Amino acid sequence: MLPKEDALKAIFDVGIVAIVRLDDSSQLQATAEAIQAGGIRAIEFTMTTPGALDMLREAAMNLDENTVLGAGTVLDAETARVAILAGAKFIVAPNLNLDVIATARRYSVAIIPGALTPTEIITAWEAGADIVKIFPASFGGAEMIKALRGPLPHIKMIPTGGVDLKTAAAFIKAGSAAVAVGGNLADKEAIKRGEFDKITNLAKQYVEIILQARRMV
């Protein structure tokens, strides 16, 4: 299976991308393992974490083969390229940068650019986005996703920002292909205390919520 197909299957099958954004990279591997143990198969290491690139390279070799790692907060084409060479199976950006999309497509890696307005969303999709990250989704919540999906039912959307245990189901019911969860899952304080069981339990809760929500769609 190609890297892109691998990543998209992991994202769509479970319906969750776990975003790991920490103050240093020392706990990235353990955090990814805890999330993986909870049943989430798509994990994003943000490039704002110092040393994330080296840990991405290491974790890509050590995690379960069914887990895919991506690079997040990718703001330029060069960062996309080095992340892909380090083992990223998908690239996520908070913004719409056509050069980042082109680079990911050149390497046949899944690309998830950020957008908010209909114009940005359509531009991203026509440029080759595999999924469009609606960010910040807290701006309009599930109702915004529902409104966008009306005229744009063919575009796969993944809300980011504002997704937690209380709102995740609503985003799925509104038509999201998946959700992305950051600090509400990869809790920095729990990670600092080494409470990785908490991270695993949270991951399990999100997986169950998405499963139940999909049954109701």
N, C-alpha and C. Protein backbone atom coordinates (compact mmCIF):
# COMPACT_ATOMS: atom_id res chain seq x y z
N MET A 1 0.85 -1.19 0.00
CA MET A 1 0.00 0.00 0.00
C MET A 1 0.88 1.25 0.00
N LEU A 2 0.52 2.24 -0.81
CA LEU A 2 1.28 3.49 -0.86
C LEU A 2 1.15 4.25 0.46
N PRO A 3 2.15 5.07 0.80
CA PRO A 3 2.08 5.84 2.04
C PRO A 3 0.80 6.64 2.17
N LYS A 4 0.34 7.26 1.07
CA LYS A 4 -0.87 8.07 1.12
C LYS A 4 -2.08 7.21 1.48
N GLU A 5 -2.22 6.07 0.84
CA GLU A 5 -3.36 5.19 1.11
C GLU A 5 -3.32 4.66 2.53
N ASP A 6 -2.12 4.35 3.00
CA ASP A 6 -1.90 3.91 4.38
C ASP A 6 -2.44 4.93 5.37
N ALA A 7 -2.03 6.17 5.16
CA ALA A 7 -2.40 7.24 6.08
C ALA A 7 -3.90 7.51 6.05
N LEU A 8 -4.46 7.59 4.86
CA LEU A 8 -5.88 7.90 4.74
C LEU A 8 -6.74 6.79 5.34
N LYS A 9 -6.31 5.56 5.18
CA LYS A 9 -7.05 4.44 5.78
C LYS A 9 -7.02 4.54 7.30
N ALA A 10 -5.84 4.84 7.86
CA ALA A 10 -5.72 4.96 9.31
C ALA A 10 -6.59 6.09 9.85
N ILE A 11 -6.65 7.18 9.11
CA ILE A 11 -7.45 8.33 9.54
C ILE A 11 -8.94 8.03 9.43
N PHE A 12 -9.36 7.54 8.28
CA PHE A 12 -10.79 7.34 8.05
C PHE A 12 -11.36 6.16 8.81
N ASP A 13 -10.58 5.09 8.97
CA ASP A 13 -11.09 3.90 9.66
C ASP A 13 -11.47 4.21 11.10
N VAL A 14 -10.61 4.92 11.81
CA VAL A 14 -10.85 5.24 13.22
C VAL A 14 -11.57 6.58 13.36
N GLY A 15 -11.28 7.49 12.46
CA GLY A 15 -11.94 8.79 12.49
C GLY A 15 -11.31 9.82 13.39
N ILE A 16 -10.05 9.60 13.74
CA ILE A 16 -9.37 10.51 14.67
C ILE A 16 -7.91 10.69 14.26
N VAL A 17 -7.46 11.94 14.30
CA VAL A 17 -6.02 12.23 14.25
C VAL A 17 -5.64 12.81 15.61
N ALA A 18 -4.69 12.19 16.26
CA ALA A 18 -4.20 12.69 17.55
C ALA A 18 -3.05 13.64 17.30
N ILE A 19 -3.18 14.87 17.80
CA ILE A 19 -2.13 15.87 17.62
C ILE A 19 -1.29 15.94 18.90
N VAL A 20 0.01 15.75 18.76
CA VAL A 20 0.91 15.78 19.90
C VAL A 20 1.81 17.01 19.78
N ARG A 21 1.57 17.97 20.67
CA ARG A 21 2.33 19.21 20.67
C ARG A 21 2.89 19.40 22.09
N LEU A 22 4.21 19.18 22.25
CA LEU A 22 4.83 19.23 23.57
C LEU A 22 5.92 20.30 23.63
N ASP A 23 6.41 20.54 24.82
CA ASP A 23 7.46 21.55 25.01
C ASP A 23 8.84 21.02 24.65
N ASP A 24 8.99 19.70 24.68
CA ASP A 24 10.23 19.08 24.22
C ASP A 24 9.90 17.70 23.69
N SER A 25 10.85 17.07 23.02
CA SER A 25 10.57 15.83 22.30
C SER A 25 10.79 14.57 23.14
N SER A 26 11.24 14.70 24.38
CA SER A 26 11.65 13.53 25.16
C SER A 26 10.49 12.56 25.42
N GLN A 27 9.26 13.07 25.44
CA GLN A 27 8.12 12.21 25.74
C GLN A 27 7.27 11.90 24.50
N LEU A 28 7.74 12.29 23.33
CA LEU A 28 6.94 12.06 22.12
C LEU A 28 6.69 10.58 21.87
N GLN A 29 7.74 9.77 21.97
CA GLN A 29 7.62 8.34 21.71
C GLN A 29 6.64 7.69 22.68
N ALA A 30 6.81 7.95 23.98
CA ALA A 30 5.93 7.35 24.98
C ALA A 30 4.49 7.81 24.81
N THR A 31 4.31 9.08 24.44
CA THR A 31 2.96 9.60 24.22
C THR A 31 2.32 8.92 23.02
N ALA A 32 3.08 8.77 21.96
CA ALA A 32 2.56 8.10 20.76
C ALA A 32 2.17 6.65 21.07
N GLU A 33 2.98 5.98 21.86
CA GLU A 33 2.68 4.60 22.23
C GLU A 33 1.40 4.52 23.06
N ALA A 34 1.20 5.50 23.95
CA ALA A 34 -0.01 5.52 24.79
C ALA A 34 -1.25 5.76 23.94
N ILE A 35 -1.13 6.65 22.98
CA ILE A 35 -2.26 6.94 22.07
C ILE A 35 -2.56 5.72 21.21
N GLN A 36 -1.51 5.11 20.70
CA GLN A 36 -1.66 3.90 19.89
C GLN A 36 -2.36 2.80 20.68
N ALA A 37 -2.00 2.65 21.95
CA ALA A 37 -2.61 1.62 22.80
C ALA A 37 -4.10 1.86 23.00
N GLY A 38 -4.53 3.12 22.84
CA GLY A 38 -5.95 3.44 22.97
C GLY A 38 -6.74 3.23 21.71
N GLY A 39 -6.09 2.82 20.63
CA GLY A 39 -6.80 2.49 19.40
C GLY A 39 -6.76 3.53 18.30
N ILE A 40 -6.07 4.64 18.53
CA ILE A 40 -5.94 5.67 17.49
C ILE A 40 -4.71 5.35 16.65
N ARG A 41 -4.88 5.36 15.33
CA ARG A 41 -3.81 4.90 14.44
C ARG A 41 -3.13 6.01 13.66
N ALA A 42 -3.64 7.24 13.74
CA ALA A 42 -3.02 8.37 13.03
C ALA A 42 -2.57 9.39 14.07
N ILE A 43 -1.26 9.61 14.15
CA ILE A 43 -0.69 10.49 15.17
C ILE A 43 0.17 11.56 14.49
N GLU A 44 -0.10 12.80 14.85
CA GLU A 44 0.60 13.94 14.26
C GLU A 44 1.57 14.56 15.27
N PHE A 45 2.85 14.62 14.91
CA PHE A 45 3.84 15.33 15.69
C PHE A 45 3.97 16.73 15.10
N THR A 46 3.71 17.76 15.91
CA THR A 46 3.82 19.12 15.38
C THR A 46 5.26 19.56 15.30
N MET A 47 5.58 20.28 14.26
CA MET A 47 6.94 20.74 14.04
C MET A 47 7.33 21.88 14.98
N THR A 48 6.38 22.34 15.81
CA THR A 48 6.72 23.35 16.82
C THR A 48 7.35 22.73 18.05
N THR A 49 7.29 21.41 18.17
CA THR A 49 7.95 20.73 19.28
C THR A 49 9.44 20.61 18.99
N PRO A 50 10.31 21.17 19.82
CA PRO A 50 11.76 21.07 19.58
C PRO A 50 12.19 19.60 19.46
N GLY A 51 12.93 19.29 18.42
CA GLY A 51 13.42 17.93 18.23
C GLY A 51 12.39 16.99 17.64
N ALA A 52 11.26 17.51 17.19
CA ALA A 52 10.18 16.65 16.68
C ALA A 52 10.62 15.84 15.47
N LEU A 53 11.44 16.41 14.64
CA LEU A 53 11.84 15.73 13.41
C LEU A 53 12.64 14.47 13.72
N ASP A 54 13.57 14.56 14.66
CA ASP A 54 14.37 13.39 15.04
C ASP A 54 13.48 12.31 15.67
N MET A 55 12.55 12.74 16.52
CA MET A 55 11.66 11.77 17.16
C MET A 55 10.68 11.16 16.17
N LEU A 56 10.29 11.92 15.17
CA LEU A 56 9.44 11.39 14.12
C LEU A 56 10.15 10.26 13.40
N ARG A 57 11.42 10.49 13.12
CA ARG A 57 12.23 9.48 12.42
C ARG A 57 12.34 8.21 13.27
N GLU A 58 12.57 8.38 14.58
CA GLU A 58 12.72 7.22 15.46
C GLU A 58 11.39 6.51 15.68
N ALA A 59 10.35 7.29 15.95
CA ALA A 59 9.04 6.69 16.23
C ALA A 59 8.48 5.97 15.02
N ALA A 60 8.76 6.49 13.83
CA ALA A 60 8.27 5.86 12.60
C ALA A 60 8.79 4.43 12.46
N MET A 61 9.97 4.17 13.04
CA MET A 61 10.55 2.83 12.96
C MET A 61 10.08 1.92 14.09
N ASN A 62 9.64 2.51 15.20
CA ASN A 62 9.37 1.72 16.40
C ASN A 62 7.90 1.46 16.69
N LEU A 63 7.00 2.27 16.16
CA LEU A 63 5.58 2.07 16.46
C LEU A 63 5.02 0.92 15.64
N ASP A 64 3.85 0.45 16.06
CA ASP A 64 3.15 -0.62 15.37
C ASP A 64 3.00 -0.28 13.89
N GLU A 65 3.10 -1.29 13.03
CA GLU A 65 3.04 -1.04 11.59
C GLU A 65 1.68 -0.49 11.13
N ASN A 66 0.66 -0.67 11.94
CA ASN A 66 -0.66 -0.15 11.59
C ASN A 66 -0.85 1.30 12.02
N THR A 67 0.12 1.86 12.70
CA THR A 67 0.05 3.26 13.13
C THR A 67 0.83 4.12 12.15
N VAL A 68 0.23 5.23 11.74
CA VAL A 68 0.92 6.13 10.82
C VAL A 68 1.22 7.44 11.53
N LEU A 69 2.40 7.96 11.28
CA LEU A 69 2.84 9.22 11.88
C LEU A 69 2.83 10.31 10.83
N GLY A 70 2.38 11.49 11.24
CA GLY A 70 2.40 12.63 10.35
C GLY A 70 3.11 13.80 10.98
N ALA A 71 3.37 14.81 10.17
CA ALA A 71 3.98 16.04 10.65
C ALA A 71 2.95 17.15 10.58
N GLY A 72 2.82 17.90 11.67
CA GLY A 72 1.86 18.98 11.72
C GLY A 72 2.51 20.35 11.85
N THR A 73 1.72 21.38 11.71
CA THR A 73 2.19 22.76 11.72
C THR A 73 3.33 22.92 10.70
N VAL A 74 3.09 22.39 9.52
CA VAL A 74 4.07 22.48 8.43
C VAL A 74 3.73 23.73 7.62
N LEU A 75 4.61 24.73 7.69
CA LEU A 75 4.32 26.04 7.12
C LEU A 75 4.97 26.31 5.78
N ASP A 76 5.90 25.44 5.36
CA ASP A 76 6.58 25.69 4.10
C ASP A 76 6.97 24.38 3.44
N ALA A 77 7.30 24.46 2.18
CA ALA A 77 7.58 23.26 1.38
C ALA A 77 8.82 22.52 1.87
N GLU A 78 9.85 23.24 2.31
CA GLU A 78 11.08 22.58 2.77
C GLU A 78 10.81 21.77 4.04
N THR A 79 10.02 22.31 4.96
CA THR A 79 9.67 21.54 6.16
C THR A 79 8.87 20.30 5.78
N ALA A 80 7.99 20.44 4.82
CA ALA A 80 7.22 19.28 4.35
C ALA A 80 8.16 18.21 3.80
N ARG A 81 9.13 18.63 3.02
CA ARG A 81 10.06 17.69 2.40
C ARG A 81 10.89 16.93 3.43
N VAL A 82 11.48 17.66 4.39
CA VAL A 82 12.33 16.99 5.37
C VAL A 82 11.49 16.10 6.30
N ALA A 83 10.26 16.49 6.57
CA ALA A 83 9.39 15.65 7.39
C ALA A 83 9.04 14.36 6.67
N ILE A 84 8.78 14.46 5.39
CA ILE A 84 8.47 13.27 4.59
C ILE A 84 9.68 12.33 4.55
N LEU A 85 10.86 12.90 4.37
CA LEU A 85 12.08 12.09 4.34
C LEU A 85 12.36 11.46 5.70
N ALA A 86 11.86 12.08 6.77
CA ALA A 86 12.03 11.53 8.12
C ALA A 86 11.01 10.44 8.44
N GLY A 87 10.02 10.27 7.56
CA GLY A 87 9.06 9.19 7.77
C GLY A 87 7.61 9.60 7.90
N ALA A 88 7.31 10.89 7.74
CA ALA A 88 5.91 11.34 7.86
C ALA A 88 5.09 10.75 6.73
N LYS A 89 3.94 10.15 7.09
CA LYS A 89 3.04 9.57 6.10
C LYS A 89 1.92 10.54 5.72
N PHE A 90 1.80 11.62 6.49
CA PHE A 90 0.85 12.67 6.11
C PHE A 90 1.37 14.01 6.63
N ILE A 91 0.98 15.06 5.93
CA ILE A 91 1.42 16.41 6.25
C ILE A 91 0.19 17.25 6.57
N VAL A 92 0.27 17.99 7.69
CA VAL A 92 -0.84 18.83 8.11
C VAL A 92 -0.34 20.26 8.28
N ALA A 93 -1.15 21.21 7.80
CA ALA A 93 -0.80 22.63 7.94
C ALA A 93 -1.98 23.38 8.53
N PRO A 94 -1.72 24.46 9.27
CA PRO A 94 -2.82 25.26 9.80
C PRO A 94 -3.36 26.24 8.77
N ASN A 95 -2.64 26.36 7.64
CA ASN A 95 -2.99 27.34 6.62
C ASN A 95 -2.98 26.70 5.24
N LEU A 96 -3.32 27.51 4.25
CA LEU A 96 -3.33 27.04 2.87
C LEU A 96 -2.09 27.55 2.15
N ASN A 97 -1.16 26.63 1.88
CA ASN A 97 0.07 26.96 1.17
C ASN A 97 0.17 26.00 -0.01
N LEU A 98 0.03 26.51 -1.21
CA LEU A 98 -0.02 25.66 -2.39
C LEU A 98 1.29 24.91 -2.62
N ASP A 99 2.43 25.51 -2.21
CA ASP A 99 3.72 24.83 -2.36
C ASP A 99 3.82 23.61 -1.44
N VAL A 100 3.24 23.69 -0.25
CA VAL A 100 3.22 22.55 0.66
C VAL A 100 2.38 21.43 0.07
N ILE A 101 1.24 21.77 -0.50
CA ILE A 101 0.39 20.76 -1.14
C ILE A 101 1.14 20.10 -2.28
N ALA A 102 1.79 20.89 -3.12
CA ALA A 102 2.52 20.36 -4.27
C ALA A 102 3.65 19.43 -3.84
N THR A 103 4.34 19.79 -2.77
CA THR A 103 5.45 18.95 -2.28
C THR A 103 4.93 17.60 -1.80
N ALA A 104 3.86 17.61 -1.02
CA ALA A 104 3.29 16.35 -0.53
C ALA A 104 2.83 15.47 -1.69
N ARG A 105 2.21 16.08 -2.67
CA ARG A 105 1.74 15.31 -3.84
C ARG A 105 2.92 14.75 -4.63
N ARG A 106 3.99 15.51 -4.69
CA ARG A 106 5.18 15.05 -5.42
C ARG A 106 5.73 13.77 -4.80
N TYR A 107 5.63 13.66 -3.47
CA TYR A 107 6.13 12.48 -2.77
C TYR A 107 5.04 11.45 -2.49
N SER A 108 3.85 11.67 -3.03
CA SER A 108 2.71 10.75 -2.85
C SER A 108 2.37 10.54 -1.38
N VAL A 109 2.42 11.64 -0.61
CA VAL A 109 2.09 11.62 0.81
C VAL A 109 0.79 12.40 1.01
N ALA A 110 -0.06 11.91 1.90
CA ALA A 110 -1.34 12.57 2.15
C ALA A 110 -1.13 13.99 2.66
N ILE A 111 -1.96 14.91 2.18
CA ILE A 111 -1.81 16.31 2.56
C ILE A 111 -3.14 16.85 3.10
N ILE A 112 -3.04 17.51 4.26
CA ILE A 112 -4.22 18.05 4.94
C ILE A 112 -3.96 19.52 5.26
N PRO A 113 -4.22 20.42 4.31
CA PRO A 113 -4.00 21.84 4.57
C PRO A 113 -5.15 22.44 5.38
N GLY A 114 -4.87 23.55 6.04
CA GLY A 114 -5.88 24.23 6.83
C GLY A 114 -6.63 25.28 6.02
N ALA A 115 -7.92 25.42 6.30
CA ALA A 115 -8.74 26.41 5.64
C ALA A 115 -9.93 26.72 6.53
N LEU A 116 -10.61 27.82 6.26
CA LEU A 116 -11.78 28.19 7.05
C LEU A 116 -12.94 28.65 6.19
N THR A 117 -12.65 29.43 5.17
CA THR A 117 -13.72 29.96 4.33
C THR A 117 -14.01 29.01 3.16
N PRO A 118 -15.20 29.12 2.55
CA PRO A 118 -15.49 28.28 1.37
C PRO A 118 -14.46 28.45 0.26
N THR A 119 -14.00 29.68 0.05
CA THR A 119 -13.01 29.91 -1.01
C THR A 119 -11.71 29.17 -0.72
N GLU A 120 -11.24 29.25 0.52
CA GLU A 120 -10.01 28.55 0.90
C GLU A 120 -10.19 27.04 0.78
N ILE A 121 -11.33 26.54 1.23
CA ILE A 121 -11.58 25.10 1.21
C ILE A 121 -11.59 24.58 -0.22
N ILE A 122 -12.28 25.26 -1.11
CA ILE A 122 -12.35 24.83 -2.52
C ILE A 122 -10.97 24.94 -3.17
N THR A 123 -10.24 26.01 -2.88
CA THR A 123 -8.89 26.17 -3.43
C THR A 123 -7.98 25.03 -3.00
N ALA A 124 -8.06 24.67 -1.72
CA ALA A 124 -7.24 23.56 -1.20
C ALA A 124 -7.60 22.25 -1.89
N TRP A 125 -8.87 21.99 -2.03
CA TRP A 125 -9.34 20.74 -2.64
C TRP A 125 -8.92 20.65 -4.10
N GLU A 126 -9.10 21.75 -4.83
CA GLU A 126 -8.74 21.75 -6.25
C GLU A 126 -7.24 21.65 -6.46
N ALA A 127 -6.47 22.07 -5.45
CA ALA A 127 -5.00 21.97 -5.53
C ALA A 127 -4.50 20.56 -5.22
N GLY A 128 -5.39 19.70 -4.72
CA GLY A 128 -5.01 18.31 -4.48
C GLY A 128 -5.02 17.86 -3.04
N ALA A 129 -5.64 18.63 -2.16
CA ALA A 129 -5.74 18.20 -0.75
C ALA A 129 -6.52 16.89 -0.66
N ASP A 130 -6.05 16.00 0.20
CA ASP A 130 -6.77 14.74 0.43
C ASP A 130 -7.91 14.93 1.42
N ILE A 131 -7.67 15.80 2.40
CA ILE A 131 -8.66 16.20 3.39
C ILE A 131 -8.39 17.68 3.64
N VAL A 132 -9.43 18.45 3.95
CA VAL A 132 -9.21 19.84 4.32
C VAL A 132 -9.44 19.99 5.81
N LYS A 133 -8.45 20.54 6.49
CA LYS A 133 -8.53 20.79 7.92
C LYS A 133 -9.28 22.10 8.15
N ILE A 134 -10.43 22.01 8.80
CA ILE A 134 -11.19 23.21 9.11
C ILE A 134 -10.68 23.75 10.44
N PHE A 135 -10.00 24.91 10.37
CA PHE A 135 -9.31 25.44 11.54
C PHE A 135 -9.41 26.97 11.57
N PRO A 136 -9.74 27.51 12.75
CA PRO A 136 -10.11 26.79 13.98
C PRO A 136 -11.59 26.44 14.00
N ALA A 137 -11.88 25.16 14.20
CA ALA A 137 -13.26 24.70 14.19
C ALA A 137 -14.05 25.24 15.38
N SER A 138 -13.34 25.70 16.40
CA SER A 138 -14.02 26.30 17.55
C SER A 138 -14.74 27.59 17.16
N PHE A 139 -14.35 28.16 16.04
CA PHE A 139 -14.94 29.41 15.56
C PHE A 139 -16.43 29.26 15.29
N GLY A 140 -16.84 28.14 14.69
CA GLY A 140 -18.25 27.95 14.36
C GLY A 140 -18.83 26.63 14.83
N GLY A 141 -17.97 25.77 15.37
CA GLY A 141 -18.43 24.49 15.90
C GLY A 141 -19.01 23.57 14.84
N ALA A 142 -19.77 22.59 15.31
CA ALA A 142 -20.35 21.60 14.41
C ALA A 142 -21.32 22.22 13.41
N GLU A 143 -21.99 23.29 13.81
CA GLU A 143 -22.93 23.95 12.90
C GLU A 143 -22.22 24.51 11.67
N MET A 144 -20.99 24.98 11.85
CA MET A 144 -20.23 25.48 10.71
C MET A 144 -19.91 24.35 9.74
N ILE A 145 -19.51 23.19 10.28
CA ILE A 145 -19.22 22.03 9.42
C ILE A 145 -20.48 21.65 8.65
N LYS A 146 -21.60 21.60 9.32
CA LYS A 146 -22.87 21.25 8.67
C LYS A 146 -23.19 22.24 7.54
N ALA A 147 -22.98 23.52 7.81
CA ALA A 147 -23.26 24.55 6.80
C ALA A 147 -22.32 24.42 5.60
N LEU A 148 -21.04 24.14 5.85
CA LEU A 148 -20.07 23.99 4.77
C LEU A 148 -20.34 22.74 3.94
N ARG A 149 -20.75 21.69 4.61
CA ARG A 149 -21.00 20.43 3.91
C ARG A 149 -22.19 20.52 2.96
N GLY A 150 -23.10 21.46 3.21
CA GLY A 150 -24.25 21.62 2.33
C GLY A 150 -23.85 21.84 0.87
N PRO A 151 -23.11 22.90 0.57
CA PRO A 151 -22.68 23.13 -0.81
C PRO A 151 -21.42 22.37 -1.21
N LEU A 152 -20.72 21.79 -0.23
CA LEU A 152 -19.44 21.11 -0.52
C LEU A 152 -19.44 19.66 0.00
N PRO A 153 -20.42 18.85 -0.38
CA PRO A 153 -20.52 17.50 0.18
C PRO A 153 -19.42 16.56 -0.30
N HIS A 154 -18.75 16.92 -1.39
CA HIS A 154 -17.71 16.07 -1.97
C HIS A 154 -16.35 16.27 -1.30
N ILE A 155 -16.23 17.29 -0.47
CA ILE A 155 -14.93 17.60 0.15
C ILE A 155 -14.85 17.01 1.55
N LYS A 156 -13.82 16.21 1.79
CA LYS A 156 -13.63 15.60 3.10
C LYS A 156 -13.04 16.65 4.06
N MET A 157 -13.70 16.80 5.20
CA MET A 157 -13.29 17.82 6.15
C MET A 157 -12.95 17.20 7.51
N ILE A 158 -11.95 17.78 8.15
CA ILE A 158 -11.56 17.33 9.48
C ILE A 158 -11.42 18.56 10.39
N PRO A 159 -12.37 18.75 11.31
CA PRO A 159 -12.30 19.90 12.20
C PRO A 159 -11.16 19.77 13.20
N THR A 160 -10.50 20.89 13.46
CA THR A 160 -9.40 20.94 14.40
C THR A 160 -9.53 22.20 15.24
N GLY A 161 -9.39 22.04 16.55
CA GLY A 161 -9.61 23.16 17.46
C GLY A 161 -11.06 23.12 17.93
N GLY A 162 -11.24 23.00 19.23
CA GLY A 162 -12.60 22.92 19.75
C GLY A 162 -13.17 21.52 19.80
N VAL A 163 -12.35 20.51 19.48
CA VAL A 163 -12.81 19.12 19.54
C VAL A 163 -12.44 18.53 20.89
N ASP A 164 -13.44 18.09 21.64
CA ASP A 164 -13.19 17.43 22.92
C ASP A 164 -14.20 16.31 23.12
N LEU A 165 -14.21 15.71 24.30
CA LEU A 165 -15.11 14.58 24.54
C LEU A 165 -16.58 14.97 24.39
N LYS A 166 -16.89 16.24 24.63
CA LYS A 166 -18.28 16.68 24.56
C LYS A 166 -18.72 17.06 23.15
N THR A 167 -17.77 17.49 22.32
CA THR A 167 -18.14 18.00 20.99
C THR A 167 -17.82 17.04 19.84
N ALA A 168 -16.99 16.03 20.07
CA ALA A 168 -16.53 15.15 18.98
C ALA A 168 -17.68 14.52 18.22
N ALA A 169 -18.67 14.01 18.93
CA ALA A 169 -19.80 13.34 18.28
C ALA A 169 -20.56 14.29 17.37
N ALA A 170 -20.76 15.52 17.82
CA ALA A 170 -21.51 16.50 17.03
C ALA A 170 -20.79 16.80 15.72
N PHE A 171 -19.47 16.86 15.75
CA PHE A 171 -18.71 17.13 14.53
C PHE A 171 -18.89 15.98 13.53
N ILE A 172 -18.90 14.75 14.01
CA ILE A 172 -19.10 13.61 13.12
C ILE A 172 -20.51 13.63 12.54
N LYS A 173 -21.49 13.86 13.38
CA LYS A 173 -22.88 13.90 12.92
C LYS A 173 -23.12 15.03 11.92
N ALA A 174 -22.30 16.08 12.02
CA ALA A 174 -22.43 17.21 11.09
C ALA A 174 -21.82 16.92 9.73
N GLY A 175 -21.10 15.79 9.61
CA GLY A 175 -20.55 15.41 8.32
C GLY A 175 -19.04 15.37 8.21
N SER A 176 -18.34 15.52 9.32
CA SER A 176 -16.88 15.46 9.29
C SER A 176 -16.41 14.05 8.95
N ALA A 177 -15.38 13.96 8.13
CA ALA A 177 -14.81 12.65 7.78
C ALA A 177 -14.05 12.06 8.96
N ALA A 178 -13.54 12.93 9.82
CA ALA A 178 -12.80 12.53 11.02
C ALA A 178 -12.66 13.79 11.87
N VAL A 179 -12.07 13.66 13.04
CA VAL A 179 -11.78 14.83 13.88
C VAL A 179 -10.30 14.78 14.26
N ALA A 180 -9.75 15.95 14.57
CA ALA A 180 -8.38 16.03 15.07
C ALA A 180 -8.43 16.57 16.49
N VAL A 181 -7.73 15.90 17.40
CA VAL A 181 -7.76 16.26 18.82
C VAL A 181 -6.34 16.49 19.31
N GLY A 182 -6.12 17.64 19.94
CA GLY A 182 -4.80 17.98 20.44
C GLY A 182 -4.68 17.86 21.94
N GLY A 183 -4.59 18.99 22.62
CA GLY A 183 -4.36 19.00 24.07
C GLY A 183 -5.45 18.34 24.89
N ASN A 184 -6.64 18.22 24.35
CA ASN A 184 -7.71 17.53 25.07
C ASN A 184 -7.49 16.02 25.10
N LEU A 185 -6.53 15.54 24.34
CA LEU A 185 -6.14 14.13 24.37
C LEU A 185 -4.70 13.99 24.88
N ALA A 186 -3.78 14.62 24.18
CA ALA A 186 -2.36 14.58 24.59
C ALA A 186 -2.13 15.67 25.64
N ASP A 187 -2.66 15.44 26.82
CA ASP A 187 -2.64 16.40 27.93
C ASP A 187 -1.19 16.61 28.41
N LYS A 188 -0.69 17.83 28.25
CA LYS A 188 0.72 18.11 28.59
C LYS A 188 1.04 17.81 30.05
N GLU A 189 0.13 18.17 30.95
CA GLU A 189 0.40 17.98 32.38
C GLU A 189 0.43 16.49 32.73
N ALA A 190 -0.49 15.72 32.15
CA ALA A 190 -0.49 14.28 32.40
C ALA A 190 0.79 13.64 31.86
N ILE A 191 1.22 14.11 30.70
CA ILE A 191 2.45 13.58 30.10
C ILE A 191 3.66 13.92 30.96
N LYS A 192 3.73 15.15 31.46
CA LYS A 192 4.84 15.54 32.33
C LYS A 192 4.91 14.67 33.57
N ARG A 193 3.74 14.27 34.08
CA ARG A 193 3.69 13.43 35.28
C ARG A 193 3.86 11.95 34.97
N GLY A 194 3.98 11.63 33.68
CA GLY A 194 4.16 10.23 33.29
C GLY A 194 2.88 9.42 33.39
N GLU A 195 1.74 10.09 33.36
CA GLU A 195 0.44 9.40 33.48
C GLU A 195 -0.05 8.96 32.10
N PHE A 196 0.68 8.02 31.52
CA PHE A 196 0.35 7.61 30.15
C PHE A 196 -0.90 6.74 30.08
N ASP A 197 -1.26 6.10 31.20
CA ASP A 197 -2.51 5.35 31.24
C ASP A 197 -3.70 6.29 31.01
N LYS A 198 -3.58 7.51 31.52
CA LYS A 198 -4.64 8.50 31.32
C LYS A 198 -4.79 8.82 29.84
N ILE A 199 -3.68 8.97 29.15
CA ILE A 199 -3.71 9.25 27.71
C ILE A 199 -4.36 8.10 26.96
N THR A 200 -3.99 6.88 27.32
CA THR A 200 -4.58 5.70 26.68
C THR A 200 -6.08 5.64 26.91
N ASN A 201 -6.50 5.89 28.14
CA ASN A 201 -7.93 5.86 28.46
C ASN A 201 -8.70 6.95 27.71
N LEU A 202 -8.11 8.13 27.59
CA LEU A 202 -8.75 9.19 26.82
C LEU A 202 -8.88 8.78 25.35
N ALA A 203 -7.83 8.19 24.81
CA ALA A 203 -7.87 7.74 23.42
C ALA A 203 -9.00 6.73 23.21
N LYS A 204 -9.14 5.81 24.15
CA LYS A 204 -10.22 4.81 24.05
C LYS A 204 -11.60 5.49 24.07
N GLN A 205 -11.74 6.51 24.91
CA GLN A 205 -13.02 7.22 24.98
C GLN A 205 -13.34 7.91 23.66
N TYR A 206 -12.35 8.55 23.06
CA TYR A 206 -12.58 9.20 21.77
C TYR A 206 -12.95 8.19 20.69
N VAL A 207 -12.26 7.07 20.66
CA VAL A 207 -12.54 6.04 19.67
C VAL A 207 -13.98 5.55 19.80
N GLU A 208 -14.43 5.33 21.02
CA GLU A 208 -15.80 4.86 21.25
C GLU A 208 -16.82 5.92 20.86
N ILE A 209 -16.54 7.17 21.18
CA ILE A 209 -17.46 8.27 20.84
C ILE A 209 -17.64 8.37 19.32
N ILE A 210 -16.54 8.30 18.59
CA ILE A 210 -16.61 8.39 17.13
C ILE A 210 -17.37 7.19 16.56
N LEU A 211 -17.10 6.02 17.10
CA LEU A 211 -17.79 4.80 16.64
C LEU A 211 -19.30 4.93 16.83
N GLN A 212 -19.70 5.36 18.01
CA GLN A 212 -21.13 5.52 18.30
C GLN A 212 -21.76 6.61 17.43
N ALA A 213 -21.05 7.71 17.23
CA ALA A 213 -21.59 8.80 16.41
C ALA A 213 -21.79 8.37 14.98
N ARG A 214 -20.86 7.60 14.45
CA ARG A 214 -20.97 7.12 13.06
C ARG A 214 -22.16 6.20 12.88
N ARG A 215 -22.49 5.46 13.89
CA ARG A 215 -23.65 4.56 13.82
C ARG A 215 -24.96 5.33 13.73
N MET A 216 -24.90 6.58 14.19
CA MET A 216 -26.12 7.40 14.22
C MET A 216 -26.27 8.30 13.00
N VAL A 217 -25.25 8.31 12.15
CA VAL A 217 -25.30 9.18 10.96
C VAL A 217 -26.14 8.52 9.87
